[in-house]
Amino acid sequence: MAKAKPSHSFLFLFHLLFFTAILQPSSSQATAAPRTDFIKSSCRSTHYPSLCVQCLSGYAPSIQQDPRQLARAALQVSLARAQSAATYVAQLSRLQGITPRESQAVQDCVQNVGDSVSRLSRSIDELGQMGGGQGAAGEAFDWHMSNVQTWVSGALTDENTCFDGFARPGMDGKAKSAVRGRLVEVAQVVSNALALVDRFGSRHRGAAKGKP
């Protein structure tokens, strides 16, 4: 006996459901967009917004809509980049053809980047003592925030001081090019982190005073 052919109405319904399922965004996609939107809107306050979004999008699930977590993630990214740069710069003294003056500049740079790593690490610890609630800012909050801002600003100064060591005449060799290629982005992510720390502090104080 021949098999009954599916009706046209059944086929139409099947295709309708099939294409609806394809076009419907998954729950993970639907929730990812708002989280990323918060990061994008926050990164507009930084000097390098595209780099900011690129570095922090992967932290979206833990950041949620929390400015403190956003600042913390930015500091963690900065610390990781600075640690990697410190290791890289320390190896530059073994470059072939490096001059004694370049070698001294590299050693000074190693010290500077090491100081930057230390300051960023301390700033992350300090931020962890501040809490993320929207209670009164108070003297304790201001004290911790001042420390974080001072250390992150100091870390950024360390990166720039490293560049200054290669600004003298006769320092345009391999070492300068290698240092600059590695540390420019480190300085940029630290700059972004400082902007996001400042933003967190301002929003927290505003919430404590009842401002939107």
N, C-alpha and C. Protein backbone atom coordinates (compact mmCIF):
# COMPACT_ATOMS: atom_id res chain seq x y z
N MET A 1 0.85 -1.18 0.00
CA MET A 1 0.00 0.00 0.00
C MET A 1 0.90 1.25 0.00
N ALA A 2 0.59 2.25 -0.84
CA ALA A 2 1.43 3.45 -0.94
C ALA A 2 1.30 4.30 0.32
N LYS A 3 2.46 4.90 0.71
CA LYS A 3 2.47 5.76 1.89
C LYS A 3 1.77 7.08 1.59
N ALA A 4 1.06 7.58 2.57
CA ALA A 4 0.34 8.84 2.41
C ALA A 4 1.34 9.99 2.39
N LYS A 5 1.18 10.91 1.47
CA LYS A 5 2.06 12.06 1.37
C LYS A 5 1.66 13.12 2.41
N PRO A 6 2.65 13.80 3.01
CA PRO A 6 2.31 14.85 3.97
C PRO A 6 1.55 15.97 3.28
N SER A 7 0.61 16.53 3.97
CA SER A 7 -0.21 17.60 3.41
C SER A 7 0.62 18.87 3.26
N HIS A 8 0.15 19.77 2.37
CA HIS A 8 0.85 21.04 2.18
C HIS A 8 0.85 21.88 3.44
N SER A 9 -0.23 21.83 4.18
CA SER A 9 -0.31 22.62 5.42
C SER A 9 0.70 22.13 6.45
N PHE A 10 0.91 20.79 6.49
CA PHE A 10 1.89 20.24 7.43
C PHE A 10 3.30 20.68 7.06
N LEU A 11 3.62 20.64 5.75
CA LEU A 11 4.94 21.05 5.30
C LEU A 11 5.18 22.54 5.57
N PHE A 12 4.15 23.34 5.36
CA PHE A 12 4.28 24.76 5.61
C PHE A 12 4.56 25.03 7.09
N LEU A 13 3.83 24.33 7.98
CA LEU A 13 4.03 24.50 9.41
C LEU A 13 5.42 24.05 9.84
N PHE A 14 5.89 22.95 9.24
CA PHE A 14 7.22 22.43 9.58
C PHE A 14 8.30 23.44 9.23
N HIS A 15 8.22 23.99 8.00
CA HIS A 15 9.23 24.96 7.58
C HIS A 15 9.17 26.24 8.40
N LEU A 16 7.94 26.63 8.76
CA LEU A 16 7.80 27.84 9.57
C LEU A 16 8.48 27.67 10.92
N LEU A 17 8.26 26.54 11.57
CA LEU A 17 8.88 26.28 12.86
C LEU A 17 10.39 26.16 12.74
N PHE A 18 10.84 25.55 11.63
CA PHE A 18 12.28 25.34 11.43
C PHE A 18 13.01 26.67 11.31
N PHE A 19 12.51 27.55 10.47
CA PHE A 19 13.18 28.84 10.26
C PHE A 19 13.03 29.76 11.47
N THR A 20 11.94 29.63 12.20
CA THR A 20 11.77 30.41 13.42
C THR A 20 12.83 30.02 14.45
N ALA A 21 13.10 28.71 14.54
CA ALA A 21 14.11 28.23 15.49
C ALA A 21 15.50 28.73 15.12
N ILE A 22 15.76 28.82 13.80
CA ILE A 22 17.07 29.28 13.36
C ILE A 22 17.27 30.77 13.67
N LEU A 23 16.22 31.55 13.40
CA LEU A 23 16.34 32.99 13.56
C LEU A 23 16.22 33.46 14.99
N GLN A 24 15.65 32.63 15.86
CA GLN A 24 15.47 33.03 17.25
C GLN A 24 16.81 33.01 17.98
N PRO A 25 17.26 34.12 18.59
CA PRO A 25 18.54 34.11 19.31
C PRO A 25 18.47 33.22 20.53
N SER A 26 19.59 32.57 20.83
CA SER A 26 19.64 31.71 22.00
C SER A 26 19.61 32.56 23.25
N SER A 27 19.31 31.94 24.39
CA SER A 27 19.27 32.68 25.65
C SER A 27 20.62 33.25 26.00
N SER A 28 21.71 32.52 25.64
CA SER A 28 23.05 33.02 25.94
C SER A 28 23.37 34.26 25.12
N GLN A 29 22.92 34.28 23.85
CA GLN A 29 23.14 35.45 23.02
C GLN A 29 22.35 36.64 23.54
N ALA A 30 21.11 36.36 23.97
CA ALA A 30 20.25 37.44 24.45
C ALA A 30 20.80 38.08 25.71
N THR A 31 21.41 37.27 26.59
CA THR A 31 21.95 37.82 27.83
C THR A 31 23.33 38.42 27.64
N ALA A 32 24.06 37.96 26.60
CA ALA A 32 25.42 38.47 26.38
C ALA A 32 25.40 39.92 25.91
N ALA A 33 24.39 40.27 25.10
CA ALA A 33 24.34 41.62 24.53
C ALA A 33 24.27 42.71 25.60
N PRO A 34 23.35 42.62 26.57
CA PRO A 34 23.30 43.68 27.59
C PRO A 34 24.59 43.78 28.39
N ARG A 35 25.22 42.64 28.69
CA ARG A 35 26.47 42.67 29.45
C ARG A 35 27.55 43.39 28.65
N THR A 36 27.65 43.08 27.37
CA THR A 36 28.63 43.73 26.52
C THR A 36 28.30 45.20 26.33
N ASP A 37 27.01 45.53 26.26
CA ASP A 37 26.60 46.93 26.12
C ASP A 37 27.08 47.76 27.30
N PHE A 38 27.04 47.19 28.50
CA PHE A 38 27.52 47.91 29.68
C PHE A 38 29.01 48.19 29.56
N ILE A 39 29.76 47.21 29.09
CA ILE A 39 31.20 47.39 28.91
C ILE A 39 31.48 48.45 27.85
N LYS A 40 30.75 48.38 26.75
CA LYS A 40 30.96 49.36 25.67
C LYS A 40 30.65 50.77 26.12
N SER A 41 29.54 50.94 26.83
CA SER A 41 29.17 52.28 27.29
C SER A 41 30.18 52.80 28.31
N SER A 42 30.69 51.92 29.16
CA SER A 42 31.69 52.33 30.16
C SER A 42 33.01 52.68 29.50
N CYS A 43 33.38 51.93 28.47
CA CYS A 43 34.67 52.15 27.81
C CYS A 43 34.71 53.46 27.04
N ARG A 44 33.57 54.08 26.80
CA ARG A 44 33.57 55.37 26.11
C ARG A 44 34.25 56.45 26.95
N SER A 45 34.37 56.22 28.24
CA SER A 45 35.03 57.20 29.11
C SER A 45 36.54 57.06 29.11
N THR A 46 37.07 56.09 28.38
CA THR A 46 38.52 55.85 28.34
C THR A 46 39.14 56.50 27.11
N HIS A 47 40.46 56.58 27.09
CA HIS A 47 41.17 57.16 25.95
C HIS A 47 41.27 56.18 24.78
N TYR A 48 41.14 54.89 25.06
CA TYR A 48 41.27 53.88 24.01
C TYR A 48 40.08 52.92 24.09
N PRO A 49 38.90 53.38 23.70
CA PRO A 49 37.68 52.59 23.90
C PRO A 49 37.66 51.25 23.16
N SER A 50 38.18 51.21 21.94
CA SER A 50 38.17 49.94 21.19
C SER A 50 39.02 48.89 21.90
N LEU A 51 40.21 49.29 22.35
CA LEU A 51 41.08 48.38 23.09
C LEU A 51 40.42 47.97 24.40
N CYS A 52 39.74 48.90 25.03
CA CYS A 52 39.04 48.63 26.29
C CYS A 52 38.00 47.53 26.12
N VAL A 53 37.17 47.66 25.08
CA VAL A 53 36.13 46.66 24.82
C VAL A 53 36.77 45.31 24.47
N GLN A 54 37.81 45.35 23.66
CA GLN A 54 38.49 44.13 23.24
C GLN A 54 39.04 43.36 24.45
N CYS A 55 39.62 44.08 25.40
CA CYS A 55 40.25 43.44 26.56
C CYS A 55 39.24 42.94 27.58
N LEU A 56 38.09 43.60 27.68
CA LEU A 56 37.18 43.33 28.79
C LEU A 56 35.94 42.52 28.42
N SER A 57 35.66 42.35 27.13
CA SER A 57 34.45 41.63 26.73
C SER A 57 34.43 40.20 27.28
N GLY A 58 35.58 39.59 27.37
CA GLY A 58 35.65 38.22 27.88
C GLY A 58 35.30 38.11 29.36
N TYR A 59 35.30 39.24 30.07
CA TYR A 59 34.96 39.26 31.49
C TYR A 59 33.49 39.59 31.74
N ALA A 60 32.72 39.72 30.67
CA ALA A 60 31.33 40.16 30.79
C ALA A 60 30.50 39.35 31.80
N PRO A 61 30.60 38.01 31.83
CA PRO A 61 29.78 37.26 32.80
C PRO A 61 30.05 37.63 34.25
N SER A 62 31.29 37.94 34.59
CA SER A 62 31.61 38.30 35.97
C SER A 62 31.39 39.78 36.24
N ILE A 63 31.49 40.61 35.21
CA ILE A 63 31.29 42.05 35.39
C ILE A 63 29.83 42.39 35.59
N GLN A 64 28.95 41.73 34.81
CA GLN A 64 27.52 42.04 34.84
C GLN A 64 27.33 43.55 34.60
N GLN A 65 26.71 44.24 35.56
CA GLN A 65 26.50 45.69 35.46
C GLN A 65 27.23 46.41 36.61
N ASP A 66 28.30 45.80 37.10
CA ASP A 66 28.97 46.28 38.31
C ASP A 66 30.21 47.11 37.95
N PRO A 67 30.21 48.41 38.20
CA PRO A 67 31.38 49.25 37.89
C PRO A 67 32.64 48.83 38.62
N ARG A 68 32.48 48.32 39.86
CA ARG A 68 33.68 47.90 40.60
C ARG A 68 34.30 46.67 39.95
N GLN A 69 33.48 45.71 39.54
CA GLN A 69 34.00 44.53 38.87
C GLN A 69 34.63 44.89 37.53
N LEU A 70 34.07 45.90 36.87
CA LEU A 70 34.65 46.36 35.61
C LEU A 70 36.04 46.95 35.85
N ALA A 71 36.15 47.79 36.87
CA ALA A 71 37.45 48.38 37.21
C ALA A 71 38.45 47.29 37.61
N ARG A 72 37.97 46.32 38.36
CA ARG A 72 38.85 45.22 38.79
C ARG A 72 39.36 44.42 37.60
N ALA A 73 38.47 44.12 36.66
CA ALA A 73 38.87 43.37 35.47
C ALA A 73 39.90 44.16 34.66
N ALA A 74 39.69 45.47 34.55
CA ALA A 74 40.64 46.32 33.82
C ALA A 74 42.01 46.30 34.49
N LEU A 75 42.02 46.31 35.81
CA LEU A 75 43.30 46.24 36.53
C LEU A 75 43.96 44.89 36.37
N GLN A 76 43.17 43.83 36.35
CA GLN A 76 43.73 42.49 36.17
C GLN A 76 44.35 42.35 34.78
N VAL A 77 43.68 42.89 33.77
CA VAL A 77 44.24 42.88 32.42
C VAL A 77 45.54 43.67 32.39
N SER A 78 45.55 44.83 33.02
CA SER A 78 46.75 45.65 33.06
C SER A 78 47.91 44.94 33.75
N LEU A 79 47.60 44.27 34.85
CA LEU A 79 48.65 43.55 35.58
C LEU A 79 49.22 42.43 34.73
N ALA A 80 48.37 41.67 34.08
CA ALA A 80 48.83 40.56 33.24
C ALA A 80 49.71 41.07 32.10
N ARG A 81 49.30 42.17 31.47
CA ARG A 81 50.10 42.73 30.37
C ARG A 81 51.43 43.27 30.89
N ALA A 82 51.41 43.90 32.04
CA ALA A 82 52.65 44.45 32.61
C ALA A 82 53.62 43.33 33.01
N GLN A 83 53.10 42.25 33.58
CA GLN A 83 53.95 41.11 33.95
C GLN A 83 54.61 40.50 32.72
N SER A 84 53.82 40.36 31.66
CA SER A 84 54.36 39.81 30.42
C SER A 84 55.42 40.74 29.84
N ALA A 85 55.17 42.06 29.89
CA ALA A 85 56.14 43.02 29.38
C ALA A 85 57.42 43.01 30.20
N ALA A 86 57.28 42.85 31.52
CA ALA A 86 58.46 42.82 32.38
C ALA A 86 59.38 41.66 32.01
N THR A 87 58.79 40.50 31.76
CA THR A 87 59.58 39.33 31.35
C THR A 87 60.25 39.58 30.00
N TYR A 88 59.50 40.18 29.09
CA TYR A 88 60.02 40.43 27.74
C TYR A 88 61.18 41.43 27.78
N VAL A 89 60.99 42.53 28.50
CA VAL A 89 62.02 43.57 28.54
C VAL A 89 63.29 43.04 29.20
N ALA A 90 63.13 42.18 30.20
CA ALA A 90 64.30 41.62 30.88
C ALA A 90 65.18 40.80 29.94
N GLN A 91 64.59 40.31 28.86
CA GLN A 91 65.35 39.49 27.92
C GLN A 91 66.04 40.32 26.84
N LEU A 92 65.74 41.61 26.78
CA LEU A 92 66.27 42.45 25.70
C LEU A 92 67.77 42.70 25.83
N SER A 93 68.30 42.58 27.03
CA SER A 93 69.74 42.82 27.20
C SER A 93 70.58 41.80 26.44
N ARG A 94 69.94 40.71 26.00
CA ARG A 94 70.67 39.68 25.26
C ARG A 94 70.55 39.87 23.74
N LEU A 95 69.97 41.00 23.32
CA LEU A 95 69.87 41.28 21.89
C LEU A 95 71.26 41.46 21.29
N GLN A 96 71.45 40.94 20.09
CA GLN A 96 72.71 41.12 19.39
C GLN A 96 72.86 42.57 18.93
N GLY A 97 74.04 43.15 19.16
CA GLY A 97 74.32 44.50 18.69
C GLY A 97 73.82 45.61 19.60
N ILE A 98 73.33 45.29 20.78
CA ILE A 98 72.85 46.32 21.69
C ILE A 98 74.04 47.08 22.28
N THR A 99 73.94 48.39 22.35
CA THR A 99 75.03 49.23 22.85
C THR A 99 74.97 49.29 24.38
N PRO A 100 76.08 49.69 25.03
CA PRO A 100 76.06 49.83 26.49
C PRO A 100 75.00 50.81 26.98
N ARG A 101 74.79 51.91 26.26
CA ARG A 101 73.78 52.88 26.67
C ARG A 101 72.37 52.26 26.57
N GLU A 102 72.17 51.50 25.51
CA GLU A 102 70.87 50.83 25.36
C GLU A 102 70.67 49.79 26.46
N SER A 103 71.75 49.10 26.79
CA SER A 103 71.67 48.09 27.84
C SER A 103 71.29 48.71 29.18
N GLN A 104 71.86 49.90 29.47
CA GLN A 104 71.52 50.59 30.72
C GLN A 104 70.07 51.03 30.70
N ALA A 105 69.61 51.52 29.55
CA ALA A 105 68.21 51.94 29.44
C ALA A 105 67.27 50.76 29.62
N VAL A 106 67.67 49.60 29.11
CA VAL A 106 66.85 48.39 29.29
C VAL A 106 66.77 48.01 30.76
N GLN A 107 67.90 48.07 31.45
CA GLN A 107 67.91 47.73 32.88
C GLN A 107 67.03 48.69 33.68
N ASP A 108 67.10 49.98 33.33
CA ASP A 108 66.24 50.95 34.01
C ASP A 108 64.77 50.66 33.72
N CYS A 109 64.50 50.26 32.49
CA CYS A 109 63.13 49.95 32.09
C CYS A 109 62.61 48.73 32.83
N VAL A 110 63.47 47.75 33.03
CA VAL A 110 63.07 46.56 33.81
C VAL A 110 62.63 46.97 35.20
N GLN A 111 63.38 47.89 35.82
CA GLN A 111 63.03 48.39 37.14
C GLN A 111 61.69 49.13 37.11
N ASN A 112 61.51 49.96 36.09
CA ASN A 112 60.27 50.72 35.97
C ASN A 112 59.05 49.81 35.81
N VAL A 113 59.17 48.84 34.92
CA VAL A 113 58.04 47.94 34.68
C VAL A 113 57.79 47.07 35.91
N GLY A 114 58.85 46.71 36.60
CA GLY A 114 58.68 45.96 37.84
C GLY A 114 57.91 46.76 38.89
N ASP A 115 58.22 48.05 38.97
CA ASP A 115 57.48 48.92 39.88
C ASP A 115 56.01 49.02 39.46
N SER A 116 55.78 49.07 38.16
CA SER A 116 54.41 49.13 37.64
C SER A 116 53.64 47.88 38.04
N VAL A 117 54.26 46.73 37.91
CA VAL A 117 53.61 45.47 38.30
C VAL A 117 53.25 45.50 39.78
N SER A 118 54.17 45.96 40.61
CA SER A 118 53.93 46.03 42.05
C SER A 118 52.76 46.96 42.37
N ARG A 119 52.72 48.12 41.73
CA ARG A 119 51.65 49.08 42.00
C ARG A 119 50.29 48.55 41.54
N LEU A 120 50.26 47.91 40.39
CA LEU A 120 48.98 47.37 39.90
C LEU A 120 48.48 46.25 40.80
N SER A 121 49.40 45.42 41.28
CA SER A 121 49.02 44.35 42.20
C SER A 121 48.43 44.91 43.49
N ARG A 122 49.07 45.95 44.01
CA ARG A 122 48.57 46.58 45.24
C ARG A 122 47.22 47.24 45.02
N SER A 123 47.03 47.82 43.84
CA SER A 123 45.76 48.49 43.56
C SER A 123 44.61 47.48 43.50
N ILE A 124 44.86 46.29 42.97
CA ILE A 124 43.83 45.25 42.93
C ILE A 124 43.46 44.82 44.34
N ASP A 125 44.46 44.62 45.18
CA ASP A 125 44.19 44.26 46.58
C ASP A 125 43.40 45.35 47.28
N GLU A 126 43.77 46.59 47.04
CA GLU A 126 43.10 47.71 47.70
C GLU A 126 41.64 47.82 47.23
N LEU A 127 41.43 47.61 45.95
CA LEU A 127 40.07 47.67 45.41
C LEU A 127 39.19 46.60 46.03
N GLY A 128 39.79 45.45 46.34
CA GLY A 128 39.03 44.37 46.95
C GLY A 128 38.55 44.69 48.35
N GLN A 129 39.15 45.69 49.00
CA GLN A 129 38.75 46.07 50.35
C GLN A 129 37.65 47.13 50.37
N MET A 130 37.26 47.60 49.19
CA MET A 130 36.34 48.72 49.12
C MET A 130 34.87 48.31 49.10
N GLY A 131 34.59 47.07 48.69
CA GLY A 131 33.20 46.66 48.59
C GLY A 131 32.54 47.26 47.37
N GLY A 132 31.44 46.65 46.95
CA GLY A 132 30.77 47.10 45.74
C GLY A 132 29.40 47.67 45.98
N GLY A 133 28.96 47.76 47.23
CA GLY A 133 27.63 48.26 47.50
C GLY A 133 27.51 49.75 47.27
N GLN A 134 26.30 50.25 47.39
CA GLN A 134 26.05 51.66 47.14
C GLN A 134 25.77 52.41 48.44
N GLY A 135 26.43 51.97 49.50
CA GLY A 135 26.26 52.66 50.77
C GLY A 135 27.02 53.97 50.77
N ALA A 136 27.05 54.61 51.92
CA ALA A 136 27.75 55.89 52.03
C ALA A 136 29.21 55.72 51.66
N ALA A 137 29.70 56.65 50.89
CA ALA A 137 31.10 56.58 50.48
C ALA A 137 32.01 56.64 51.69
N GLY A 138 31.90 57.72 52.47
CA GLY A 138 32.63 57.80 53.72
C GLY A 138 34.12 57.96 53.54
N GLU A 139 34.79 58.18 54.67
CA GLU A 139 36.24 58.37 54.65
C GLU A 139 36.98 57.10 54.28
N ALA A 140 36.46 55.95 54.70
CA ALA A 140 37.14 54.68 54.39
C ALA A 140 37.18 54.45 52.89
N PHE A 141 36.04 54.66 52.24
CA PHE A 141 35.98 54.48 50.79
C PHE A 141 36.94 55.45 50.10
N ASP A 142 36.90 56.69 50.51
CA ASP A 142 37.76 57.70 49.89
C ASP A 142 39.24 57.38 50.08
N TRP A 143 39.56 56.82 51.25
CA TRP A 143 40.96 56.46 51.52
C TRP A 143 41.42 55.35 50.57
N HIS A 144 40.61 54.30 50.48
CA HIS A 144 40.97 53.20 49.58
C HIS A 144 41.02 53.67 48.13
N MET A 145 40.04 54.45 47.72
CA MET A 145 40.00 54.93 46.34
C MET A 145 41.21 55.80 46.02
N SER A 146 41.60 56.65 46.95
CA SER A 146 42.77 57.49 46.74
C SER A 146 44.03 56.64 46.54
N ASN A 147 44.15 55.58 47.32
CA ASN A 147 45.29 54.68 47.18
C ASN A 147 45.31 54.01 45.81
N VAL A 148 44.15 53.51 45.40
CA VAL A 148 44.06 52.83 44.10
C VAL A 148 44.43 53.80 42.98
N GLN A 149 43.85 54.97 43.00
CA GLN A 149 44.13 55.96 41.96
C GLN A 149 45.60 56.36 41.93
N THR A 150 46.20 56.51 43.11
CA THR A 150 47.62 56.88 43.19
C THR A 150 48.50 55.80 42.60
N TRP A 151 48.21 54.53 42.94
CA TRP A 151 49.05 53.44 42.46
C TRP A 151 48.89 53.19 40.97
N VAL A 152 47.67 53.29 40.46
CA VAL A 152 47.47 53.07 39.02
C VAL A 152 48.10 54.22 38.24
N SER A 153 47.95 55.44 38.75
CA SER A 153 48.59 56.58 38.10
C SER A 153 50.10 56.43 38.12
N GLY A 154 50.63 55.92 39.24
CA GLY A 154 52.07 55.67 39.34
C GLY A 154 52.53 54.61 38.36
N ALA A 155 51.70 53.58 38.17
CA ALA A 155 52.04 52.52 37.21
C ALA A 155 52.12 53.08 35.80
N LEU A 156 51.21 53.98 35.47
CA LEU A 156 51.23 54.61 34.15
C LEU A 156 52.48 55.47 33.99
N THR A 157 52.86 56.18 35.05
CA THR A 157 54.08 56.98 35.01
C THR A 157 55.31 56.10 34.80
N ASP A 158 55.32 54.92 35.41
CA ASP A 158 56.44 53.99 35.24
C ASP A 158 56.61 53.60 33.78
N GLU A 159 55.49 53.33 33.09
CA GLU A 159 55.57 52.96 31.67
C GLU A 159 56.16 54.11 30.86
N ASN A 160 55.70 55.32 31.12
CA ASN A 160 56.18 56.47 30.37
C ASN A 160 57.65 56.78 30.68
N THR A 161 58.05 56.55 31.93
CA THR A 161 59.45 56.75 32.30
C THR A 161 60.35 55.79 31.54
N CYS A 162 59.86 54.59 31.31
CA CYS A 162 60.62 53.61 30.53
C CYS A 162 60.86 54.13 29.12
N PHE A 163 59.84 54.73 28.51
CA PHE A 163 60.01 55.31 27.18
C PHE A 163 61.03 56.44 27.20
N ASP A 164 61.01 57.26 28.25
CA ASP A 164 61.90 58.41 28.34
C ASP A 164 63.37 57.99 28.32
N GLY A 165 63.63 56.80 28.85
CA GLY A 165 65.01 56.33 28.89
C GLY A 165 65.60 56.08 27.51
N PHE A 166 64.75 55.96 26.51
CA PHE A 166 65.22 55.72 25.14
C PHE A 166 65.08 56.97 24.26
N ALA A 167 64.81 58.10 24.89
CA ALA A 167 64.58 59.33 24.13
C ALA A 167 65.86 60.08 23.83
N ARG A 168 66.97 59.67 24.45
CA ARG A 168 68.23 60.38 24.22
C ARG A 168 68.80 60.05 22.84
N PRO A 169 69.67 60.93 22.32
CA PRO A 169 70.29 60.69 21.01
C PRO A 169 71.06 59.37 20.99
N GLY A 170 71.06 58.75 19.83
CA GLY A 170 71.79 57.51 19.67
C GLY A 170 71.12 56.30 20.27
N MET A 171 69.78 56.40 20.53
CA MET A 171 69.06 55.30 21.16
C MET A 171 67.96 54.76 20.25
N ASP A 172 68.21 54.82 18.95
CA ASP A 172 67.19 54.41 17.98
C ASP A 172 67.45 53.01 17.43
N GLY A 173 68.03 52.16 18.24
CA GLY A 173 68.35 50.81 17.77
C GLY A 173 67.23 49.80 18.02
N LYS A 174 67.62 48.52 18.01
CA LYS A 174 66.66 47.44 18.16
C LYS A 174 65.95 47.49 19.51
N ALA A 175 66.68 47.83 20.55
CA ALA A 175 66.11 47.79 21.89
C ALA A 175 64.95 48.78 22.02
N LYS A 176 65.11 49.99 21.51
CA LYS A 176 64.05 51.00 21.60
C LYS A 176 62.81 50.53 20.86
N SER A 177 63.01 50.00 19.66
CA SER A 177 61.88 49.53 18.87
C SER A 177 61.14 48.40 19.57
N ALA A 178 61.91 47.48 20.15
CA ALA A 178 61.30 46.34 20.83
C ALA A 178 60.54 46.77 22.07
N VAL A 179 61.13 47.68 22.84
CA VAL A 179 60.47 48.16 24.06
C VAL A 179 59.18 48.89 23.72
N ARG A 180 59.27 49.78 22.75
CA ARG A 180 58.10 50.56 22.39
C ARG A 180 56.98 49.66 21.87
N GLY A 181 57.34 48.68 21.06
CA GLY A 181 56.33 47.79 20.50
C GLY A 181 55.58 47.01 21.57
N ARG A 182 56.23 46.77 22.69
CA ARG A 182 55.60 45.97 23.75
C ARG A 182 54.88 46.84 24.78
N LEU A 183 55.45 48.00 25.08
CA LEU A 183 54.93 48.78 26.20
C LEU A 183 53.86 49.81 25.83
N VAL A 184 53.74 50.13 24.56
CA VAL A 184 52.71 51.10 24.17
C VAL A 184 51.33 50.60 24.57
N GLU A 185 51.04 49.35 24.25
CA GLU A 185 49.72 48.81 24.59
C GLU A 185 49.55 48.65 26.10
N VAL A 186 50.64 48.32 26.80
CA VAL A 186 50.56 48.22 28.26
C VAL A 186 50.14 49.57 28.84
N ALA A 187 50.78 50.63 28.38
CA ALA A 187 50.44 51.97 28.86
C ALA A 187 48.99 52.31 28.53
N GLN A 188 48.51 51.86 27.39
CA GLN A 188 47.13 52.15 26.98
C GLN A 188 46.12 51.42 27.87
N VAL A 189 46.38 50.16 28.19
CA VAL A 189 45.42 49.43 29.03
C VAL A 189 45.45 49.95 30.47
N VAL A 190 46.63 50.40 30.92
CA VAL A 190 46.70 51.01 32.26
C VAL A 190 45.94 52.33 32.28
N SER A 191 46.08 53.11 31.22
CA SER A 191 45.33 54.36 31.11
C SER A 191 43.82 54.09 31.15
N ASN A 192 43.39 53.07 30.43
CA ASN A 192 41.97 52.71 30.44
C ASN A 192 41.52 52.27 31.83
N ALA A 193 42.36 51.50 32.50
CA ALA A 193 42.02 51.04 33.84
C ALA A 193 41.85 52.21 34.80
N LEU A 194 42.74 53.19 34.69
CA LEU A 194 42.64 54.37 35.55
C LEU A 194 41.33 55.12 35.31
N ALA A 195 40.94 55.24 34.05
CA ALA A 195 39.67 55.91 33.72
C ALA A 195 38.49 55.16 34.31
N LEU A 196 38.52 53.83 34.27
CA LEU A 196 37.41 53.04 34.80
C LEU A 196 37.39 53.04 36.33
N VAL A 197 38.57 53.12 36.93
CA VAL A 197 38.63 53.27 38.39
C VAL A 197 38.02 54.61 38.80
N ASP A 198 38.39 55.67 38.08
CA ASP A 198 37.82 56.99 38.37
C ASP A 198 36.30 56.97 38.19
N ARG A 199 35.84 56.29 37.17
CA ARG A 199 34.40 56.21 36.89
C ARG A 199 33.67 55.48 38.01
N PHE A 200 34.26 54.40 38.49
CA PHE A 200 33.66 53.66 39.59
C PHE A 200 33.56 54.54 40.83
N GLY A 201 34.64 55.26 41.14
CA GLY A 201 34.62 56.13 42.31
C GLY A 201 33.55 57.20 42.21
N SER A 202 33.43 57.82 41.05
CA SER A 202 32.43 58.88 40.87
C SER A 202 31.02 58.34 40.99
N ARG A 203 30.76 57.17 40.38
CA ARG A 203 29.41 56.59 40.44
C ARG A 203 29.06 56.14 41.84
N HIS A 204 30.04 55.61 42.55
CA HIS A 204 29.79 55.15 43.92
C HIS A 204 29.44 56.33 44.82
N ARG A 205 30.21 57.41 44.69
CA ARG A 205 29.93 58.59 45.52
C ARG A 205 28.59 59.20 45.14
N GLY A 206 28.29 59.20 43.84
CA GLY A 206 27.01 59.74 43.41
C GLY A 206 25.84 58.94 43.97
N ALA A 207 25.98 57.60 43.99
CA ALA A 207 24.92 56.75 44.54
C ALA A 207 24.75 56.98 46.03
N ALA A 208 25.89 57.19 46.72
CA ALA A 208 25.83 57.43 48.17
C ALA A 208 25.11 58.73 48.49
N LYS A 209 25.19 59.70 47.58
CA LYS A 209 24.53 60.98 47.79
C LYS A 209 23.13 61.03 47.20
N GLY A 210 22.69 59.90 46.64
CA GLY A 210 21.35 59.84 46.09
C GLY A 210 21.23 60.37 44.69
N LYS A 211 22.35 60.55 43.99
CA LYS A 211 22.32 61.04 42.63
C LYS A 211 22.15 59.87 41.68
N PRO A 212 21.53 60.05 40.49
CA PRO A 212 21.35 58.95 39.53
C PRO A 212 22.67 58.55 38.91
